[in-house]
Amino acid sequence: MKAKPSRTRVATPDGLDAVYGVHAVQALFERGQPPRELWLQEGRAEARLESLQESARQAGIKCVGVARETLDGVAKGAVHQGVIAFAPPLQAESEEALWFRLGAWQQPSPPLLLILDGVTDPHNFGACLRSADAAGAHGVIVPKDKAAPLNATVRKVACGAADIMPVYQVTNLSRAMERLKTHGVWIVGTAGESAQNLYEIDLMGPVAIVMGAEGKGMRRLTREGCDLLAKLPMAGSVSSLNVSVATGVCLFEAVRQRHAT
């Protein structure tokens, strides 16, 4: 089935988010969450796009062939690779869902959570979600305010992780951290000025790793709510890492420790 070409201006479907980029769109099908509609760039015959079109045909999803300029407009200049899907908007899970899950914990390994304090850039947020998914983290906690939205940019950068990684939105991050402690979760904050090295800390038990915004780091109350602070050893001339890179390093150190036994 060929995507039906459209030579006139096409209206985007109401109430749906645009998901662009081959990997992000593929992830919707692979996770069993196919989009409602698929737009493909006219004239492109790449095998990856044909595969997406076949997946859409099998799922009974409407395919529309549109000009590249139309895709550019929807993606607002971002790289779409010739494909845009329209899917229901992502929704953060409630704080109550987090406490229910921790209270009825049934996973074989102890909780491994990521807390993002003041990470407002969607590209960094998406990359953090991707790292969290790759490391097998059980969820990401963000404050209601001063946090990046779960939008199309996050979905593209996360390459599917944004659709499956639980993101818990809490009203007051400091209070949420105190409640995490009542569930036995050890809270480790990252700070370059700490005297303690990340690799010297036991991350095998229930733990939440806190990453602050680039430049400013964690807010004061967030820092004070941590059980301890740790730093990443920096051997080069730079003083810090991108927050998403640092997130990956920290989470995979927890993975390394847990798999070493």
C-alpha atoms as a PDB file:
ATOM      1  CA  MET A   1       0.000   0.000   0.000  1.00  0.00           C
ATOM      2  CA  LYS A   2       1.386   3.366  -1.010  1.00  0.00           C
ATOM      3  CA  ALA A   3       0.907   6.370   1.200  1.00  0.00           C
ATOM      4  CA  LYS A   4      -1.795   8.496  -0.335  1.00  0.00           C
ATOM      5  CA  PRO A   5      -0.172  11.666  -1.697  1.00  0.00           C
ATOM      6  CA  SER A   6      -1.545  15.017  -0.663  1.00  0.00           C
ATOM      7  CA  ARG A   7      -0.856  18.068  -2.854  1.00  0.00           C
ATOM      8  CA  THR A   8      -2.845  20.395  -0.651  1.00  0.00           C
ATOM      9  CA  ARG A   9      -2.155  21.643   2.825  1.00  0.00           C
ATOM     10  CA  VAL A  10      -2.799  18.858   5.335  1.00  0.00           C
ATOM     11  CA  ALA A  11      -4.190  19.545   8.781  1.00  0.00           C
ATOM     12  CA  THR A  12      -2.523  17.763  11.650  1.00  0.00           C
ATOM     13  CA  PRO A  13      -4.798  15.444  13.638  1.00  0.00           C
ATOM     14  CA  ASP A  14      -6.394  17.121  16.652  1.00  0.00           C
ATOM     15  CA  GLY A  15      -5.420  16.038  20.139  1.00  0.00           C
ATOM     16  CA  LEU A  16      -2.361  14.057  19.062  1.00  0.00           C
ATOM     17  CA  ASP A  17       1.377  14.687  19.421  1.00  0.00           C
ATOM     18  CA  ALA A  18       3.780  14.554  16.504  1.00  0.00           C
ATOM     19  CA  VAL A  19       6.460  11.878  16.877  1.00  0.00           C
ATOM     20  CA  TYR A  20       9.217  12.283  14.315  1.00  0.00           C
ATOM     21  CA  GLY A  21      12.305  10.357  13.336  1.00  0.00           C
ATOM     22  CA  VAL A  22      12.585   6.757  12.167  1.00  0.00           C
ATOM     23  CA  HIS A  23      13.722   5.255  15.483  1.00  0.00           C
ATOM     24  CA  ALA A  24      11.100   7.052  17.579  1.00  0.00           C
ATOM     25  CA  VAL A  25       8.303   6.004  15.223  1.00  0.00           C
ATOM     26  CA  GLN A  26       9.570   2.422  14.985  1.00  0.00           C
ATOM     27  CA  ALA A  27       9.522   2.248  18.774  1.00  0.00           C
ATOM     28  CA  LEU A  28       5.792   2.995  18.819  1.00  0.00           C
ATOM     29  CA  PHE A  29       5.107  -0.123  16.737  1.00  0.00           C
ATOM     30  CA  GLU A  30       7.636  -2.269  18.584  1.00  0.00           C
ATOM     31  CA  ARG A  31       6.141  -1.368  21.961  1.00  0.00           C
ATOM     32  CA  GLY A  32       2.642  -2.240  20.797  1.00  0.00           C
ATOM     33  CA  GLN A  33       1.567   1.418  20.881  1.00  0.00           C
ATOM     34  CA  PRO A  34       1.059   2.210  17.190  1.00  0.00           C
ATOM     35  CA  PRO A  35       0.251   5.794  16.191  1.00  0.00           C
ATOM     36  CA  ARG A  36      -3.133   6.919  14.941  1.00  0.00           C
ATOM     37  CA  GLU A  37      -1.791   8.330  11.667  1.00  0.00           C
ATOM     38  CA  LEU A  38       1.479   8.241   9.706  1.00  0.00           C
ATOM     39  CA  TRP A  39       2.890  10.881   7.365  1.00  0.00           C
ATOM     40  CA  LEU A  40       5.665   9.930   4.946  1.00  0.00           C
ATOM     41  CA  GLN A  41       7.692  12.192   2.710  1.00  0.00           C
ATOM     42  CA  GLU A  42       6.698  11.937  -0.930  1.00  0.00           C
ATOM     43  CA  GLY A  43       9.324  10.520  -3.241  1.00  0.00           C
ATOM     44  CA  ARG A  44      11.423   8.822  -0.586  1.00  0.00           C
ATOM     45  CA  ALA A  45      11.844   5.103  -1.157  1.00  0.00           C
ATOM     46  CA  GLU A  46      14.119   4.186   1.743  1.00  0.00           C
ATOM     47  CA  ALA A  47      13.653   0.667   3.025  1.00  0.00           C
ATOM     48  CA  ARG A  48      13.131   1.926   6.576  1.00  0.00           C
ATOM     49  CA  LEU A  49      10.204   4.061   5.509  1.00  0.00           C
ATOM     50  CA  GLU A  50       8.718   1.207   3.500  1.00  0.00           C
ATOM     51  CA  SER A  51       8.975  -0.984   6.591  1.00  0.00           C
ATOM     52  CA  LEU A  52       7.126   1.610   8.661  1.00  0.00           C
ATOM     53  CA  GLN A  53       4.463   1.873   5.987  1.00  0.00           C
ATOM     54  CA  GLU A  54       4.005  -1.891   6.023  1.00  0.00           C
ATOM     55  CA  SER A  55       3.681  -1.858   9.821  1.00  0.00           C
ATOM     56  CA  ALA A  56       1.037   0.850   9.485  1.00  0.00           C
ATOM     57  CA  ARG A  57      -0.825  -1.161   6.838  1.00  0.00           C
ATOM     58  CA  GLN A  58      -0.923  -4.224   9.056  1.00  0.00           C
ATOM     59  CA  ALA A  59      -2.241  -2.138  11.956  1.00  0.00           C
ATOM     60  CA  GLY A  60      -4.855  -0.463   9.782  1.00  0.00           C
ATOM     61  CA  ILE A  61      -3.335   2.988  10.278  1.00  0.00           C
ATOM     62  CA  LYS A  62      -3.903   5.807   7.820  1.00  0.00           C
ATOM     63  CA  CYS A  63      -0.799   6.737   5.784  1.00  0.00           C
ATOM     64  CA  VAL A  64      -0.472  10.086   4.028  1.00  0.00           C
ATOM     65  CA  GLY A  65       2.246  11.130   1.592  1.00  0.00           C
ATOM     66  CA  VAL A  66       3.201  14.772   2.120  1.00  0.00           C
ATOM     67  CA  ALA A  67       5.822  17.185   0.839  1.00  0.00           C
ATOM     68  CA  ARG A  68       9.044  17.604   2.756  1.00  0.00           C
ATOM     69  CA  GLU A  69       8.104  21.206   3.484  1.00  0.00           C
ATOM     70  CA  THR A  70       4.999  20.003   5.304  1.00  0.00           C
ATOM     71  CA  LEU A  71       7.053  17.665   7.488  1.00  0.00           C
ATOM     72  CA  ASP A  72       9.569  20.436   8.132  1.00  0.00           C
ATOM     73  CA  GLY A  73       6.761  22.678   9.309  1.00  0.00           C
ATOM     74  CA  VAL A  74       5.324  20.120  11.709  1.00  0.00           C
ATOM     75  CA  ALA A  75       8.750  19.228  13.091  1.00  0.00           C
ATOM     76  CA  LYS A  76       9.614  22.945  13.356  1.00  0.00           C
ATOM     77  CA  GLY A  77      12.997  22.495  11.761  1.00  0.00           C
ATOM     78  CA  ALA A  78      14.003  19.346  13.684  1.00  0.00           C
ATOM     79  CA  VAL A  79      15.335  16.320  11.785  1.00  0.00           C
ATOM     80  CA  HIS A  80      12.349  14.104  10.965  1.00  0.00           C
ATOM     81  CA  GLN A  81      14.019  11.687   8.483  1.00  0.00           C
ATOM     82  CA  GLY A  82      10.977  11.734   6.244  1.00  0.00           C
ATOM     83  CA  VAL A  83       8.435  10.412   8.725  1.00  0.00           C
ATOM     84  CA  ILE A  84       6.074  11.826  11.320  1.00  0.00           C
ATOM     85  CA  ALA A  85       3.578   9.805  13.329  1.00  0.00           C
ATOM     86  CA  PHE A  86       0.707  11.160  15.374  1.00  0.00           C
ATOM     87  CA  ALA A  87       0.124   9.481  18.713  1.00  0.00           C
ATOM     88  CA  PRO A  88      -1.671  10.254  21.979  1.00  0.00           C
ATOM     89  CA  PRO A  89       0.311  12.699  24.152  1.00  0.00           C
ATOM     90  CA  LEU A  90       2.607  11.275  26.782  1.00  0.00           C
ATOM     91  CA  GLN A  91       1.390  11.609  30.335  1.00  0.00           C
ATOM     92  CA  ALA A  92       3.498  11.629  33.477  1.00  0.00           C
ATOM     93  CA  GLU A  93       2.384   9.213  36.175  1.00  0.00           C
ATOM     94  CA  SER A  94       1.071  10.542  39.456  1.00  0.00           C
ATOM     95  CA  GLU A  95       2.964  10.741  42.717  1.00  0.00           C
ATOM     96  CA  GLU A  96       0.448   8.326  44.222  1.00  0.00           C
ATOM     97  CA  ALA A  97       1.391   5.750  41.578  1.00  0.00           C
ATOM     98  CA  LEU A  98       5.011   5.945  42.739  1.00  0.00           C
ATOM     99  CA  TRP A  99       4.134   5.273  46.384  1.00  0.00           C
ATOM    100  CA  PHE A 100       1.817   2.434  45.436  1.00  0.00           C
ATOM    101  CA  ARG A 101       4.510   0.796  43.325  1.00  0.00           C
ATOM    102  CA  LEU A 102       7.164   1.095  46.020  1.00  0.00           C
ATOM    103  CA  GLY A 103       4.775  -0.153  48.688  1.00  0.00           C
ATOM    104  CA  ALA A 104       3.976  -3.275  46.666  1.00  0.00           C
ATOM    105  CA  TRP A 105       7.441  -3.830  45.205  1.00  0.00           C
ATOM    106  CA  GLN A 106       7.655  -7.087  43.271  1.00  0.00           C
ATOM    107  CA  GLN A 107      10.735  -6.629  41.093  1.00  0.00           C
ATOM    108  CA  PRO A 108      13.613  -9.102  41.578  1.00  0.00           C
ATOM    109  CA  SER A 109      16.109  -6.269  42.051  1.00  0.00           C
ATOM    110  CA  PRO A 110      15.849  -3.335  44.484  1.00  0.00           C
ATOM    111  CA  PRO A 111      14.546  -0.007  43.178  1.00  0.00           C
ATOM    112  CA  LEU A 112      16.881   2.017  40.990  1.00  0.00           C
ATOM    113  CA  LEU A 113      15.393   5.463  40.450  1.00  0.00           C
ATOM    114  CA  LEU A 114      16.562   8.635  38.762  1.00  0.00           C
ATOM    115  CA  ILE A 115      15.622  12.073  40.094  1.00  0.00           C
ATOM    116  CA  LEU A 116      16.013  15.055  37.767  1.00  0.00           C
ATOM    117  CA  ASP A 117      16.085  18.411  39.533  1.00  0.00           C
ATOM    118  CA  GLY A 118      15.737  21.408  37.226  1.00  0.00           C
ATOM    119  CA  VAL A 119      16.481  19.619  33.936  1.00  0.00           C
ATOM    120  CA  THR A 120      14.405  21.801  31.617  1.00  0.00           C
ATOM    121  CA  ASP A 121      15.963  21.080  28.215  1.00  0.00           C
ATOM    122  CA  PRO A 122      13.919  18.468  26.275  1.00  0.00           C
ATOM    123  CA  HIS A 123      17.032  17.120  24.546  1.00  0.00           C
ATOM    124  CA  ASN A 124      18.722  16.427  27.878  1.00  0.00           C
ATOM    125  CA  PHE A 125      15.502  15.024  29.317  1.00  0.00           C
ATOM    126  CA  GLY A 126      15.077  12.655  26.385  1.00  0.00           C
ATOM    127  CA  ALA A 127      18.699  11.523  26.601  1.00  0.00           C
ATOM    128  CA  CYS A 128      18.317  10.904  30.349  1.00  0.00           C
ATOM    129  CA  LEU A 129      15.231   8.771  29.720  1.00  0.00           C
ATOM    130  CA  ARG A 130      17.135   6.789  27.117  1.00  0.00           C
ATOM    131  CA  SER A 131      19.996   6.149  29.565  1.00  0.00           C
ATOM    132  CA  ALA A 132      17.550   5.229  32.320  1.00  0.00           C
ATOM    133  CA  ASP A 133      15.834   2.684  30.085  1.00  0.00           C
ATOM    134  CA  ALA A 134      19.144   1.226  28.915  1.00  0.00           C
ATOM    135  CA  ALA A 135      20.306   0.801  32.505  1.00  0.00           C
ATOM    136  CA  GLY A 136      17.061  -0.861  33.552  1.00  0.00           C
ATOM    137  CA  ALA A 137      16.044   1.909  35.949  1.00  0.00           C
ATOM    138  CA  HIS A 138      12.576   1.534  37.403  1.00  0.00           C
ATOM    139  CA  GLY A 139      11.435   5.114  37.015  1.00  0.00           C
ATOM    140  CA  VAL A 140      12.328   8.774  36.703  1.00  0.00           C
ATOM    141  CA  ILE A 141      11.083  11.367  39.190  1.00  0.00           C
ATOM    142  CA  VAL A 142      10.662  15.005  38.171  1.00  0.00           C
ATOM    143  CA  PRO A 143       9.163  18.038  39.909  1.00  0.00           C
ATOM    144  CA  LYS A 144       5.925  19.508  38.649  1.00  0.00           C
ATOM    145  CA  ASP A 145       7.671  22.833  38.017  1.00  0.00           C
ATOM    146  CA  LYS A 146      11.069  23.519  36.456  1.00  0.00           C
ATOM    147  CA  ALA A 147      11.106  20.335  34.413  1.00  0.00           C
ATOM    148  CA  ALA A 148      11.130  19.679  30.681  1.00  0.00           C
ATOM    149  CA  PRO A 149       7.768  18.695  29.159  1.00  0.00           C
ATOM    150  CA  LEU A 150       7.120  15.239  27.744  1.00  0.00           C
ATOM    151  CA  ASN A 151       6.932  16.431  24.150  1.00  0.00           C
ATOM    152  CA  ALA A 152       7.887  15.330  20.637  1.00  0.00           C
ATOM    153  CA  THR A 153      11.529  16.353  21.089  1.00  0.00           C
ATOM    154  CA  VAL A 154      11.813  14.193  24.182  1.00  0.00           C
ATOM    155  CA  ARG A 155      10.250  11.288  22.322  1.00  0.00           C
ATOM    156  CA  LYS A 156      12.669  11.589  19.403  1.00  0.00           C
ATOM    157  CA  VAL A 157      15.798  11.890  21.522  1.00  0.00           C
ATOM    158  CA  ALA A 158      14.699   9.063  23.821  1.00  0.00           C
ATOM    159  CA  CYS A 159      14.265   6.700  20.832  1.00  0.00           C
ATOM    160  CA  GLY A 160      11.225   5.007  22.349  1.00  0.00           C
ATOM    161  CA  ALA A 161      12.253   5.123  26.006  1.00  0.00           C
ATOM    162  CA  ALA A 162       9.891   8.033  26.700  1.00  0.00           C
ATOM    163  CA  ASP A 163       6.933   5.775  25.861  1.00  0.00           C
ATOM    164  CA  ILE A 164       7.874   3.020  28.316  1.00  0.00           C
ATOM    165  CA  MET A 165       9.951   4.559  31.117  1.00  0.00           C
ATOM    166  CA  PRO A 166       7.653   5.601  33.992  1.00  0.00           C
ATOM    167  CA  VAL A 167       8.015   9.330  34.686  1.00  0.00           C
ATOM    168  CA  TYR A 168       6.585  10.291  38.065  1.00  0.00           C
ATOM    169  CA  GLN A 169       5.698  13.945  38.530  1.00  0.00           C
ATOM    170  CA  VAL A 170       5.772  15.134  42.132  1.00  0.00           C
ATOM    171  CA  THR A 171       4.411  18.391  43.527  1.00  0.00           C
ATOM    172  CA  ASN A 172       7.210  18.999  46.014  1.00  0.00           C
ATOM    173  CA  LEU A 173      10.526  17.287  45.282  1.00  0.00           C
ATOM    174  CA  SER A 174      11.980  17.753  48.761  1.00  0.00           C
ATOM    175  CA  ARG A 175       8.960  16.162  50.434  1.00  0.00           C
ATOM    176  CA  ALA A 176       8.972  13.345  47.893  1.00  0.00           C
ATOM    177  CA  MET A 177      12.620  12.617  48.685  1.00  0.00           C
ATOM    178  CA  GLU A 178      11.809  12.385  52.395  1.00  0.00           C
ATOM    179  CA  ARG A 179       9.016   9.959  51.649  1.00  0.00           C
ATOM    180  CA  LEU A 180      11.330   7.870  49.467  1.00  0.00           C
ATOM    181  CA  LYS A 181      13.480   7.374  52.558  1.00  0.00           C
ATOM    182  CA  THR A 182      10.521   5.878  54.428  1.00  0.00           C
ATOM    183  CA  HIS A 183      10.439   3.224  51.695  1.00  0.00           C
ATOM    184  CA  GLY A 184      14.084   2.402  52.377  1.00  0.00           C
ATOM    185  CA  VAL A 185      15.439   4.256  49.339  1.00  0.00           C
ATOM    186  CA  TRP A 186      18.939   5.719  49.771  1.00  0.00           C
ATOM    187  CA  ILE A 187      19.285   9.068  48.000  1.00  0.00           C
ATOM    188  CA  VAL A 188      22.601   9.886  46.350  1.00  0.00           C
ATOM    189  CA  GLY A 189      23.108  13.373  44.970  1.00  0.00           C
ATOM    190  CA  THR A 190      25.774  14.279  42.435  1.00  0.00           C
ATOM    191  CA  ALA A 191      27.986  17.280  43.171  1.00  0.00           C
ATOM    192  CA  GLY A 192      31.427  18.072  41.777  1.00  0.00           C
ATOM    193  CA  GLU A 193      32.653  19.509  45.067  1.00  0.00           C
ATOM    194  CA  SER A 194      31.943  16.339  47.048  1.00  0.00           C
ATOM    195  CA  ALA A 195      34.935  14.635  48.639  1.00  0.00           C
ATOM    196  CA  GLN A 196      33.434  11.205  47.990  1.00  0.00           C
ATOM    197  CA  ASN A 197      33.887   9.365  44.721  1.00  0.00           C
ATOM    198  CA  LEU A 198      30.851   7.722  43.079  1.00  0.00           C
ATOM    199  CA  TYR A 199      32.792   4.480  42.691  1.00  0.00           C
ATOM    200  CA  GLU A 200      33.323   4.280  46.454  1.00  0.00           C
ATOM    201  CA  ILE A 201      29.583   4.231  47.213  1.00  0.00           C
ATOM    202  CA  ASP A 202      27.432   1.131  47.619  1.00  0.00           C
ATOM    203  CA  LEU A 203      24.630   1.377  45.042  1.00  0.00           C
ATOM    204  CA  MET A 204      23.369  -2.186  45.357  1.00  0.00           C
ATOM    205  CA  GLY A 205      20.391  -1.473  47.596  1.00  0.00           C
ATOM    206  CA  PRO A 206      17.312   0.645  46.917  1.00  0.00           C
ATOM    207  CA  VAL A 207      18.722   3.904  45.579  1.00  0.00           C
ATOM    208  CA  ALA A 208      17.672   7.103  43.854  1.00  0.00           C
ATOM    209  CA  ILE A 209      20.365   9.052  42.026  1.00  0.00           C
ATOM    210  CA  VAL A 210      19.792  12.807  41.846  1.00  0.00           C
ATOM    211  CA  MET A 211      21.009  14.816  38.871  1.00  0.00           C
ATOM    212  CA  GLY A 212      20.823  18.602  38.931  1.00  0.00           C
ATOM    213  CA  ALA A 213      20.541  21.108  36.121  1.00  0.00           C
ATOM    214  CA  GLU A 214      23.634  21.874  34.095  1.00  0.00           C
ATOM    215  CA  GLY A 215      25.523  24.813  35.505  1.00  0.00           C
ATOM    216  CA  LYS A 216      23.419  25.351  38.628  1.00  0.00           C
ATOM    217  CA  GLY A 217      23.318  21.743  39.795  1.00  0.00           C
ATOM    218  CA  MET A 218      20.837  20.702  42.448  1.00  0.00           C
ATOM    219  CA  ARG A 219      18.760  23.250  44.283  1.00  0.00           C
ATOM    220  CA  ARG A 220      19.591  23.856  47.954  1.00  0.00           C
ATOM    221  CA  LEU A 221      16.660  21.939  49.425  1.00  0.00           C
ATOM    222  CA  THR A 222      17.277  19.050  47.062  1.00  0.00           C
ATOM    223  CA  ARG A 223      20.925  18.908  48.072  1.00  0.00           C
ATOM    224  CA  GLU A 224      20.020  18.992  51.766  1.00  0.00           C
ATOM    225  CA  GLY A 225      17.588  16.116  51.254  1.00  0.00           C
ATOM    226  CA  CYS A 226      20.264  13.749  49.941  1.00  0.00           C
ATOM    227  CA  ASP A 227      21.715  11.074  52.217  1.00  0.00           C
ATOM    228  CA  LEU A 228      25.122  11.700  50.701  1.00  0.00           C
ATOM    229  CA  LEU A 229      26.801  13.489  47.822  1.00  0.00           C
ATOM    230  CA  ALA A 230      29.171  11.953  45.299  1.00  0.00           C
ATOM    231  CA  LYS A 231      31.303  13.184  42.440  1.00  0.00           C
ATOM    232  CA  LEU A 232      32.507  11.720  39.186  1.00  0.00           C
ATOM    233  CA  PRO A 233      36.312  11.724  38.919  1.00  0.00           C
ATOM    234  CA  MET A 234      37.359  14.109  36.148  1.00  0.00           C
ATOM    235  CA  ALA A 235      40.812  13.482  34.663  1.00  0.00           C
ATOM    236  CA  GLY A 236      40.724  15.958  31.776  1.00  0.00           C
ATOM    237  CA  SER A 237      40.514  19.703  31.492  1.00  0.00           C
ATOM    238  CA  VAL A 238      36.708  19.953  31.578  1.00  0.00           C
ATOM    239  CA  SER A 239      35.074  20.423  34.969  1.00  0.00           C
ATOM    240  CA  SER A 240      31.774  18.680  34.307  1.00  0.00           C
ATOM    241  CA  LEU A 241      29.825  16.421  31.951  1.00  0.00           C
ATOM    242  CA  ASN A 242      26.551  16.949  30.138  1.00  0.00           C
ATOM    243  CA  VAL A 243      23.762  15.925  32.502  1.00  0.00           C
ATOM    244  CA  SER A 244      22.627  13.053  30.282  1.00  0.00           C
ATOM    245  CA  VAL A 245      26.179  11.680  30.018  1.00  0.00           C
ATOM    246  CA  ALA A 246      26.662  11.934  33.773  1.00  0.00           C
ATOM    247  CA  THR A 247      23.298  10.210  34.248  1.00  0.00           C
ATOM    248  CA  GLY A 248      24.439   7.271  32.140  1.00  0.00           C
ATOM    249  CA  VAL A 249      27.727   6.972  34.045  1.00  0.00           C
ATOM    250  CA  CYS A 250      25.981   6.966  37.431  1.00  0.00           C
ATOM    251  CA  LEU A 251      23.222   4.539  36.496  1.00  0.00           C
ATOM    252  CA  PHE A 252      25.579   2.078  34.879  1.00  0.00           C
ATOM    253  CA  GLU A 253      27.837   2.138  37.919  1.00  0.00           C
ATOM    254  CA  ALA A 254      24.812   0.891  39.866  1.00  0.00           C
ATOM    255  CA  VAL A 255      24.264  -1.735  37.164  1.00  0.00           C
ATOM    256  CA  ARG A 256      27.915  -2.801  37.332  1.00  0.00           C
ATOM    257  CA  GLN A 257      27.760  -3.236  41.097  1.00  0.00           C
ATOM    258  CA  ARG A 258      24.532  -5.199  40.983  1.00  0.00           C
ATOM    259  CA  HIS A 259      25.817  -7.541  38.279  1.00  0.00           C
ATOM    260  CA  ALA A 260      29.178  -8.081  39.988  1.00  0.00           C
ATOM    261  CA  THR A 261      27.696 -10.314  42.656  1.00  0.00           C
END
